[in-house]
Amino acid sequence: MSMGSLNSNNSDGEESIVSEINMTPLIDIMLVLLIIFMVTSTAALESGLDIELPKTAITNEKKQDEILIITLSKDGKVALQGKFVDPTKLSEEMVAKLAELKTESVILEGDTQAFLGRAVEIMDIAKNAGAKNFSIAAEEDPSKRLK
């Protein structure tokens, strides 16, 4: 009999059960889960903080990879490219990120409830770090369009 059969004869004439785990279905499920996690994690990487962007009538949807994205939460936490940054190291982290991305452009994503003074302070730090082009992120609100 073949190795894959449930019952096989020993040389003694006794029957024994071959207990092997079929790994193919397990591997298939793990690969499907891996693909699902990869797809959902790339969608979650857009911003490191959960913020509510201000609404505007018209927005420019173009996002470029060579732009430094600074996120300011309503409680004052700051993230660069989706990663939290210690406030004492913000300036040097900005210098490093601007050099890494080889850009002078910055997009500031600020929560609607974020303190405006902190946003201006962050833009000043970015300017001192070498940024020359500034943008403020907003979401389009169709109800605010001019008719």
N, C-alpha and C. Protein backbone atom coordinates (compact mmCIF):
# COMPACT_ATOMS: atom_id res chain seq x y z
N MET A 1 0.84 -1.18 0.00
CA MET A 1 0.00 0.00 0.00
C MET A 1 0.87 1.23 0.00
N SER A 2 0.27 2.36 -0.34
CA SER A 2 1.04 3.60 -0.43
C SER A 2 1.22 4.22 0.96
N MET A 3 2.15 5.21 1.02
CA MET A 3 2.44 5.88 2.29
C MET A 3 1.26 6.75 2.73
N GLY A 4 0.45 7.23 1.81
CA GLY A 4 -0.63 8.15 2.15
C GLY A 4 -1.89 7.46 2.64
N SER A 5 -1.95 6.16 2.62
CA SER A 5 -3.18 5.49 3.04
C SER A 5 -3.31 5.54 4.56
N LEU A 6 -4.54 5.46 5.01
CA LEU A 6 -4.80 5.54 6.45
C LEU A 6 -4.31 4.29 7.17
N ASN A 7 -4.48 3.19 6.60
CA ASN A 7 -4.06 1.95 7.24
C ASN A 7 -2.94 1.33 6.42
N SER A 8 -1.90 0.94 7.10
CA SER A 8 -0.81 0.25 6.41
C SER A 8 -0.42 -0.96 7.25
N ASN A 9 0.07 -1.95 6.58
CA ASN A 9 0.45 -3.17 7.27
C ASN A 9 1.89 -3.10 7.73
N ASN A 10 2.12 -3.43 8.99
CA ASN A 10 3.48 -3.56 9.49
C ASN A 10 4.01 -4.92 9.10
N SER A 11 5.26 -5.13 9.33
CA SER A 11 5.85 -6.44 9.03
C SER A 11 5.29 -7.51 9.97
N ASP A 12 4.73 -7.05 11.12
CA ASP A 12 4.17 -7.98 12.07
C ASP A 12 2.74 -8.37 11.72
N GLY A 13 2.18 -7.72 10.74
CA GLY A 13 0.82 -8.04 10.37
C GLY A 13 -0.18 -7.16 11.09
N GLU A 14 0.26 -6.22 11.96
CA GLU A 14 -0.65 -5.34 12.67
C GLU A 14 -0.91 -4.09 11.85
N GLU A 15 -2.07 -3.55 12.01
CA GLU A 15 -2.40 -2.32 11.29
C GLU A 15 -2.14 -1.12 12.20
N SER A 16 -1.61 -0.02 11.61
CA SER A 16 -1.40 1.20 12.38
C SER A 16 -1.93 2.39 11.58
N ILE A 17 -2.29 3.41 12.30
CA ILE A 17 -2.83 4.61 11.66
C ILE A 17 -1.69 5.59 11.42
N VAL A 18 -1.60 6.09 10.20
CA VAL A 18 -0.60 7.10 9.87
C VAL A 18 -1.24 8.45 10.11
N SER A 19 -0.72 9.19 11.07
CA SER A 19 -1.32 10.49 11.39
C SER A 19 -0.38 11.60 10.95
N GLU A 20 -0.70 12.18 9.82
CA GLU A 20 0.07 13.31 9.28
C GLU A 20 -0.89 14.48 9.08
N ILE A 21 -0.41 15.68 9.36
CA ILE A 21 -1.23 16.87 9.16
C ILE A 21 -0.99 17.38 7.74
N ASN A 22 -2.09 17.59 7.05
CA ASN A 22 -1.99 18.14 5.71
C ASN A 22 -1.78 19.65 5.83
N MET A 23 -0.62 20.14 5.44
CA MET A 23 -0.26 21.54 5.61
C MET A 23 -0.79 22.45 4.50
N THR A 24 -1.22 21.91 3.41
CA THR A 24 -1.65 22.73 2.27
C THR A 24 -2.80 23.69 2.61
N PRO A 25 -3.89 23.24 3.23
CA PRO A 25 -4.96 24.20 3.57
C PRO A 25 -4.50 25.27 4.55
N LEU A 26 -3.65 24.88 5.50
CA LEU A 26 -3.14 25.85 6.47
C LEU A 26 -2.30 26.93 5.78
N ILE A 27 -1.47 26.53 4.87
CA ILE A 27 -0.63 27.48 4.13
C ILE A 27 -1.50 28.38 3.26
N ASP A 28 -2.51 27.81 2.63
CA ASP A 28 -3.43 28.62 1.80
C ASP A 28 -4.12 29.70 2.63
N ILE A 29 -4.60 29.33 3.80
CA ILE A 29 -5.28 30.30 4.67
C ILE A 29 -4.30 31.37 5.14
N MET A 30 -3.09 30.98 5.50
CA MET A 30 -2.10 31.96 5.96
C MET A 30 -1.74 32.94 4.84
N LEU A 31 -1.63 32.48 3.61
CA LEU A 31 -1.32 33.38 2.49
C LEU A 31 -2.46 34.35 2.23
N VAL A 32 -3.68 33.89 2.32
CA VAL A 32 -4.83 34.78 2.14
C VAL A 32 -4.85 35.83 3.24
N LEU A 33 -4.62 35.44 4.48
CA LEU A 33 -4.57 36.40 5.58
C LEU A 33 -3.44 37.40 5.40
N LEU A 34 -2.30 36.94 4.93
CA LEU A 34 -1.17 37.84 4.69
C LEU A 34 -1.53 38.89 3.65
N ILE A 35 -2.19 38.49 2.58
CA ILE A 35 -2.60 39.44 1.54
C ILE A 35 -3.60 40.44 2.11
N ILE A 36 -4.56 39.98 2.90
CA ILE A 36 -5.55 40.88 3.49
C ILE A 36 -4.87 41.90 4.40
N PHE A 37 -3.94 41.46 5.24
CA PHE A 37 -3.24 42.38 6.14
C PHE A 37 -2.37 43.36 5.37
N MET A 38 -1.76 42.93 4.28
CA MET A 38 -0.93 43.84 3.48
C MET A 38 -1.79 44.93 2.85
N VAL A 39 -2.94 44.57 2.34
CA VAL A 39 -3.83 45.55 1.70
C VAL A 39 -4.37 46.54 2.72
N THR A 40 -4.81 46.05 3.86
CA THR A 40 -5.38 46.95 4.87
C THR A 40 -4.33 47.80 5.55
N SER A 41 -3.11 47.30 5.68
CA SER A 41 -2.08 48.09 6.35
C SER A 41 -1.60 49.24 5.47
N THR A 42 -1.59 49.09 4.15
CA THR A 42 -1.19 50.20 3.29
C THR A 42 -2.22 51.31 3.33
N ALA A 43 -3.48 50.98 3.52
CA ALA A 43 -4.50 52.02 3.64
C ALA A 43 -4.36 52.75 4.97
N ALA A 44 -3.90 52.08 5.99
CA ALA A 44 -3.77 52.70 7.31
C ALA A 44 -2.50 53.54 7.43
N LEU A 45 -1.57 53.43 6.51
CA LEU A 45 -0.31 54.16 6.60
C LEU A 45 -0.40 55.60 6.15
N GLU A 46 -1.52 56.02 5.61
CA GLU A 46 -1.63 57.37 5.09
C GLU A 46 -1.36 58.42 6.15
N SER A 47 -1.86 58.24 7.33
CA SER A 47 -1.63 59.20 8.42
C SER A 47 -1.42 58.43 9.70
N GLY A 48 -0.49 58.91 10.51
CA GLY A 48 -0.18 58.22 11.75
C GLY A 48 -1.14 58.51 12.86
N LEU A 49 -1.89 59.58 12.77
CA LEU A 49 -2.80 59.98 13.83
C LEU A 49 -4.22 60.01 13.31
N ASP A 50 -5.17 59.79 14.21
CA ASP A 50 -6.58 59.88 13.84
C ASP A 50 -7.01 61.32 14.03
N ILE A 51 -7.11 62.04 12.92
CA ILE A 51 -7.45 63.46 12.98
C ILE A 51 -8.65 63.74 12.10
N GLU A 52 -9.33 64.82 12.39
CA GLU A 52 -10.44 65.27 11.57
C GLU A 52 -9.98 66.52 10.83
N LEU A 53 -9.80 66.38 9.52
CA LEU A 53 -9.33 67.50 8.71
C LEU A 53 -10.42 68.54 8.54
N PRO A 54 -10.03 69.81 8.43
CA PRO A 54 -11.04 70.84 8.17
C PRO A 54 -11.66 70.65 6.79
N LYS A 55 -12.87 71.13 6.63
CA LYS A 55 -13.60 71.01 5.36
C LYS A 55 -13.41 72.27 4.53
N THR A 56 -13.34 72.11 3.22
CA THR A 56 -13.21 73.23 2.31
C THR A 56 -14.02 72.95 1.05
N ALA A 57 -14.27 73.98 0.26
CA ALA A 57 -15.08 73.81 -0.93
C ALA A 57 -14.35 73.00 -2.01
N ILE A 58 -13.08 73.27 -2.22
CA ILE A 58 -12.32 72.59 -3.27
C ILE A 58 -10.97 72.18 -2.69
N THR A 59 -10.55 70.95 -2.99
CA THR A 59 -9.24 70.49 -2.56
C THR A 59 -8.46 69.99 -3.75
N ASN A 60 -7.17 69.95 -3.59
CA ASN A 60 -6.28 69.37 -4.58
C ASN A 60 -5.89 67.99 -4.09
N GLU A 61 -6.37 66.96 -4.75
CA GLU A 61 -6.19 65.59 -4.30
C GLU A 61 -4.81 65.01 -4.58
N LYS A 62 -3.95 65.73 -5.29
CA LYS A 62 -2.65 65.18 -5.66
C LYS A 62 -1.77 65.07 -4.44
N LYS A 63 -1.27 63.86 -4.20
CA LYS A 63 -0.30 63.63 -3.14
C LYS A 63 0.95 63.05 -3.78
N GLN A 64 2.08 63.56 -3.36
CA GLN A 64 3.32 63.08 -3.92
C GLN A 64 4.12 62.42 -2.81
N ASP A 65 4.89 61.39 -3.20
CA ASP A 65 5.70 60.68 -2.22
C ASP A 65 6.86 61.53 -1.71
N GLU A 66 7.27 62.53 -2.49
CA GLU A 66 8.42 63.32 -2.10
C GLU A 66 8.04 64.56 -1.29
N ILE A 67 6.92 64.52 -0.62
CA ILE A 67 6.48 65.62 0.24
C ILE A 67 6.44 65.11 1.67
N LEU A 68 7.00 65.90 2.60
CA LEU A 68 6.97 65.55 4.01
C LEU A 68 5.59 65.87 4.58
N ILE A 69 4.93 64.87 5.15
CA ILE A 69 3.61 65.06 5.73
C ILE A 69 3.75 65.14 7.25
N ILE A 70 3.36 66.29 7.79
CA ILE A 70 3.40 66.53 9.23
C ILE A 70 1.96 66.51 9.73
N THR A 71 1.69 65.69 10.74
CA THR A 71 0.34 65.55 11.27
C THR A 71 0.30 66.09 12.70
N LEU A 72 -0.69 66.95 12.97
CA LEU A 72 -0.88 67.54 14.29
C LEU A 72 -2.24 67.11 14.81
N SER A 73 -2.25 66.40 15.95
CA SER A 73 -3.51 65.95 16.53
C SER A 73 -4.10 67.04 17.41
N LYS A 74 -5.35 66.83 17.82
CA LYS A 74 -6.02 67.85 18.64
C LYS A 74 -5.39 67.99 20.01
N ASP A 75 -4.68 66.96 20.48
CA ASP A 75 -4.01 67.06 21.78
C ASP A 75 -2.55 67.49 21.66
N GLY A 76 -2.13 67.91 20.45
CA GLY A 76 -0.80 68.48 20.27
C GLY A 76 0.29 67.50 19.88
N LYS A 77 -0.02 66.23 19.71
CA LYS A 77 0.99 65.25 19.29
C LYS A 77 1.33 65.46 17.83
N VAL A 78 2.61 65.26 17.49
CA VAL A 78 3.08 65.50 16.13
C VAL A 78 3.65 64.20 15.56
N ALA A 79 3.34 63.94 14.29
CA ALA A 79 3.87 62.78 13.59
C ALA A 79 4.46 63.24 12.27
N LEU A 80 5.59 62.66 11.90
CA LEU A 80 6.21 62.89 10.60
C LEU A 80 6.07 61.62 9.79
N GLN A 81 5.46 61.73 8.62
CA GLN A 81 5.22 60.58 7.75
C GLN A 81 4.53 59.44 8.51
N GLY A 82 3.63 59.79 9.44
CA GLY A 82 2.85 58.79 10.16
C GLY A 82 3.50 58.22 11.40
N LYS A 83 4.70 58.69 11.78
CA LYS A 83 5.39 58.18 12.97
C LYS A 83 5.51 59.30 14.00
N PHE A 84 5.11 58.98 15.24
CA PHE A 84 5.18 59.97 16.31
C PHE A 84 6.61 60.44 16.52
N VAL A 85 6.74 61.73 16.87
CA VAL A 85 8.04 62.33 17.09
C VAL A 85 8.04 63.00 18.46
N ASP A 86 9.13 62.83 19.19
CA ASP A 86 9.31 63.50 20.47
C ASP A 86 9.42 65.01 20.22
N PRO A 87 8.65 65.84 20.94
CA PRO A 87 8.69 67.29 20.69
C PRO A 87 10.08 67.91 20.82
N THR A 88 10.93 67.33 21.66
CA THR A 88 12.27 67.89 21.83
C THR A 88 13.18 67.58 20.63
N LYS A 89 12.84 66.56 19.85
CA LYS A 89 13.65 66.16 18.70
C LYS A 89 12.97 66.50 17.37
N LEU A 90 11.92 67.31 17.42
CA LEU A 90 11.14 67.59 16.22
C LEU A 90 11.97 68.26 15.14
N SER A 91 12.76 69.24 15.50
CA SER A 91 13.56 69.98 14.52
C SER A 91 14.56 69.08 13.81
N GLU A 92 15.32 68.31 14.57
CA GLU A 92 16.32 67.45 13.94
C GLU A 92 15.68 66.32 13.13
N GLU A 93 14.52 65.84 13.57
CA GLU A 93 13.81 64.81 12.79
C GLU A 93 13.32 65.39 11.46
N MET A 94 12.85 66.64 11.49
CA MET A 94 12.40 67.29 10.24
C MET A 94 13.57 67.47 9.27
N VAL A 95 14.71 67.90 9.79
CA VAL A 95 15.89 68.06 8.94
C VAL A 95 16.24 66.73 8.29
N ALA A 96 16.23 65.66 9.08
CA ALA A 96 16.57 64.33 8.56
C ALA A 96 15.56 63.86 7.52
N LYS A 97 14.26 64.05 7.79
CA LYS A 97 13.22 63.59 6.86
C LYS A 97 13.24 64.39 5.56
N LEU A 98 13.45 65.71 5.66
CA LEU A 98 13.53 66.53 4.44
C LEU A 98 14.72 66.10 3.59
N ALA A 99 15.84 65.80 4.23
CA ALA A 99 17.02 65.33 3.50
C ALA A 99 16.78 63.95 2.91
N GLU A 100 16.13 63.08 3.67
CA GLU A 100 15.86 61.71 3.20
C GLU A 100 14.94 61.73 1.98
N LEU A 101 13.90 62.58 2.03
CA LEU A 101 12.94 62.66 0.92
C LEU A 101 13.45 63.56 -0.22
N LYS A 102 14.54 64.28 0.02
CA LYS A 102 15.10 65.21 -0.97
C LYS A 102 14.03 66.18 -1.45
N THR A 103 13.40 66.86 -0.50
CA THR A 103 12.33 67.78 -0.81
C THR A 103 12.40 69.03 0.05
N GLU A 104 11.70 70.05 -0.40
CA GLU A 104 11.56 71.27 0.37
C GLU A 104 10.07 71.56 0.59
N SER A 105 9.23 70.57 0.31
CA SER A 105 7.78 70.73 0.41
C SER A 105 7.24 70.01 1.63
N VAL A 106 6.28 70.67 2.29
CA VAL A 106 5.67 70.14 3.50
C VAL A 106 4.15 70.27 3.40
N ILE A 107 3.44 69.22 3.83
CA ILE A 107 1.98 69.28 3.96
C ILE A 107 1.68 69.14 5.44
N LEU A 108 0.93 70.10 5.98
CA LEU A 108 0.53 70.06 7.39
C LEU A 108 -0.90 69.57 7.47
N GLU A 109 -1.09 68.42 8.12
CA GLU A 109 -2.41 67.88 8.38
C GLU A 109 -2.74 68.18 9.83
N GLY A 110 -3.67 69.06 10.06
CA GLY A 110 -4.02 69.42 11.43
C GLY A 110 -5.47 69.11 11.72
N ASP A 111 -5.72 68.58 12.90
CA ASP A 111 -7.09 68.31 13.33
C ASP A 111 -7.85 69.63 13.44
N THR A 112 -9.15 69.60 13.23
CA THR A 112 -9.95 70.83 13.31
C THR A 112 -9.91 71.44 14.69
N GLN A 113 -9.65 70.63 15.71
CA GLN A 113 -9.60 71.14 17.08
C GLN A 113 -8.17 71.40 17.55
N ALA A 114 -7.19 71.30 16.65
CA ALA A 114 -5.80 71.54 17.03
C ALA A 114 -5.59 73.03 17.28
N PHE A 115 -4.66 73.34 18.16
CA PHE A 115 -4.34 74.70 18.53
C PHE A 115 -3.57 75.37 17.40
N LEU A 116 -4.08 76.50 16.90
CA LEU A 116 -3.47 77.19 15.77
C LEU A 116 -2.05 77.64 16.08
N GLY A 117 -1.80 78.05 17.30
CA GLY A 117 -0.46 78.47 17.68
C GLY A 117 0.56 77.35 17.52
N ARG A 118 0.16 76.12 17.85
CA ARG A 118 1.05 74.96 17.70
C ARG A 118 1.29 74.68 16.22
N ALA A 119 0.29 74.86 15.38
CA ALA A 119 0.46 74.65 13.94
C ALA A 119 1.46 75.65 13.37
N VAL A 120 1.35 76.91 13.78
CA VAL A 120 2.28 77.94 13.30
C VAL A 120 3.69 77.63 13.80
N GLU A 121 3.80 77.16 15.04
CA GLU A 121 5.10 76.79 15.60
C GLU A 121 5.74 75.65 14.80
N ILE A 122 4.94 74.66 14.42
CA ILE A 122 5.44 73.54 13.64
C ILE A 122 5.89 74.01 12.25
N MET A 123 5.12 74.91 11.64
CA MET A 123 5.51 75.44 10.33
C MET A 123 6.81 76.23 10.44
N ASP A 124 7.02 76.94 11.54
CA ASP A 124 8.25 77.68 11.75
C ASP A 124 9.44 76.73 11.90
N ILE A 125 9.24 75.64 12.64
CA ILE A 125 10.30 74.63 12.80
C ILE A 125 10.63 74.02 11.44
N ALA A 126 9.61 73.73 10.63
CA ALA A 126 9.83 73.16 9.31
C ALA A 126 10.59 74.15 8.41
N LYS A 127 10.27 75.43 8.52
CA LYS A 127 10.98 76.44 7.72
C LYS A 127 12.45 76.48 8.11
N ASN A 128 12.73 76.45 9.40
CA ASN A 128 14.11 76.44 9.87
C ASN A 128 14.84 75.16 9.49
N ALA A 129 14.07 74.07 9.29
CA ALA A 129 14.67 72.79 8.90
C ALA A 129 14.96 72.73 7.41
N GLY A 130 14.48 73.72 6.64
CA GLY A 130 14.78 73.75 5.21
C GLY A 130 13.59 73.67 4.29
N ALA A 131 12.39 73.62 4.83
CA ALA A 131 11.19 73.56 3.98
C ALA A 131 10.91 74.94 3.39
N LYS A 132 10.50 74.95 2.12
CA LYS A 132 10.20 76.22 1.45
C LYS A 132 8.77 76.29 0.94
N ASN A 133 8.16 75.14 0.68
CA ASN A 133 6.80 75.09 0.16
C ASN A 133 5.88 74.45 1.20
N PHE A 134 4.83 75.16 1.58
CA PHE A 134 3.91 74.69 2.61
C PHE A 134 2.51 74.53 2.03
N SER A 135 1.84 73.49 2.47
CA SER A 135 0.43 73.26 2.13
C SER A 135 -0.28 72.81 3.39
N ILE A 136 -1.56 73.10 3.46
CA ILE A 136 -2.37 72.64 4.58
C ILE A 136 -3.43 71.69 4.03
N ALA A 137 -3.49 70.50 4.59
CA ALA A 137 -4.41 69.48 4.11
C ALA A 137 -5.83 69.79 4.57
N ALA A 138 -6.80 69.49 3.70
CA ALA A 138 -8.22 69.67 4.02
C ALA A 138 -9.02 68.65 3.22
N GLU A 139 -10.23 68.38 3.69
CA GLU A 139 -11.14 67.50 2.97
C GLU A 139 -12.16 68.34 2.23
N GLU A 140 -12.58 67.85 1.07
CA GLU A 140 -13.57 68.57 0.28
C GLU A 140 -14.95 68.36 0.88
N ASP A 141 -15.71 69.44 1.01
CA ASP A 141 -17.07 69.39 1.53
C ASP A 141 -18.00 69.93 0.44
N PRO A 142 -18.74 69.06 -0.24
CA PRO A 142 -19.60 69.51 -1.35
C PRO A 142 -20.63 70.55 -0.92
N SER A 143 -21.04 70.56 0.33
CA SER A 143 -22.05 71.52 0.78
C SER A 143 -21.50 72.94 0.83
N LYS A 144 -20.19 73.11 0.82
CA LYS A 144 -19.58 74.43 0.90
C LYS A 144 -19.24 75.00 -0.46
N ARG A 145 -19.54 74.29 -1.52
CA ARG A 145 -19.24 74.78 -2.87
C ARG A 145 -20.09 75.98 -3.20
N LEU A 146 -19.46 76.90 -3.90
CA LEU A 146 -20.20 78.09 -4.36
C LEU A 146 -21.06 77.69 -5.55
N LYS A 147 -22.26 78.24 -5.60
CA LYS A 147 -23.18 77.86 -6.68
C LYS A 147 -23.27 78.96 -7.70
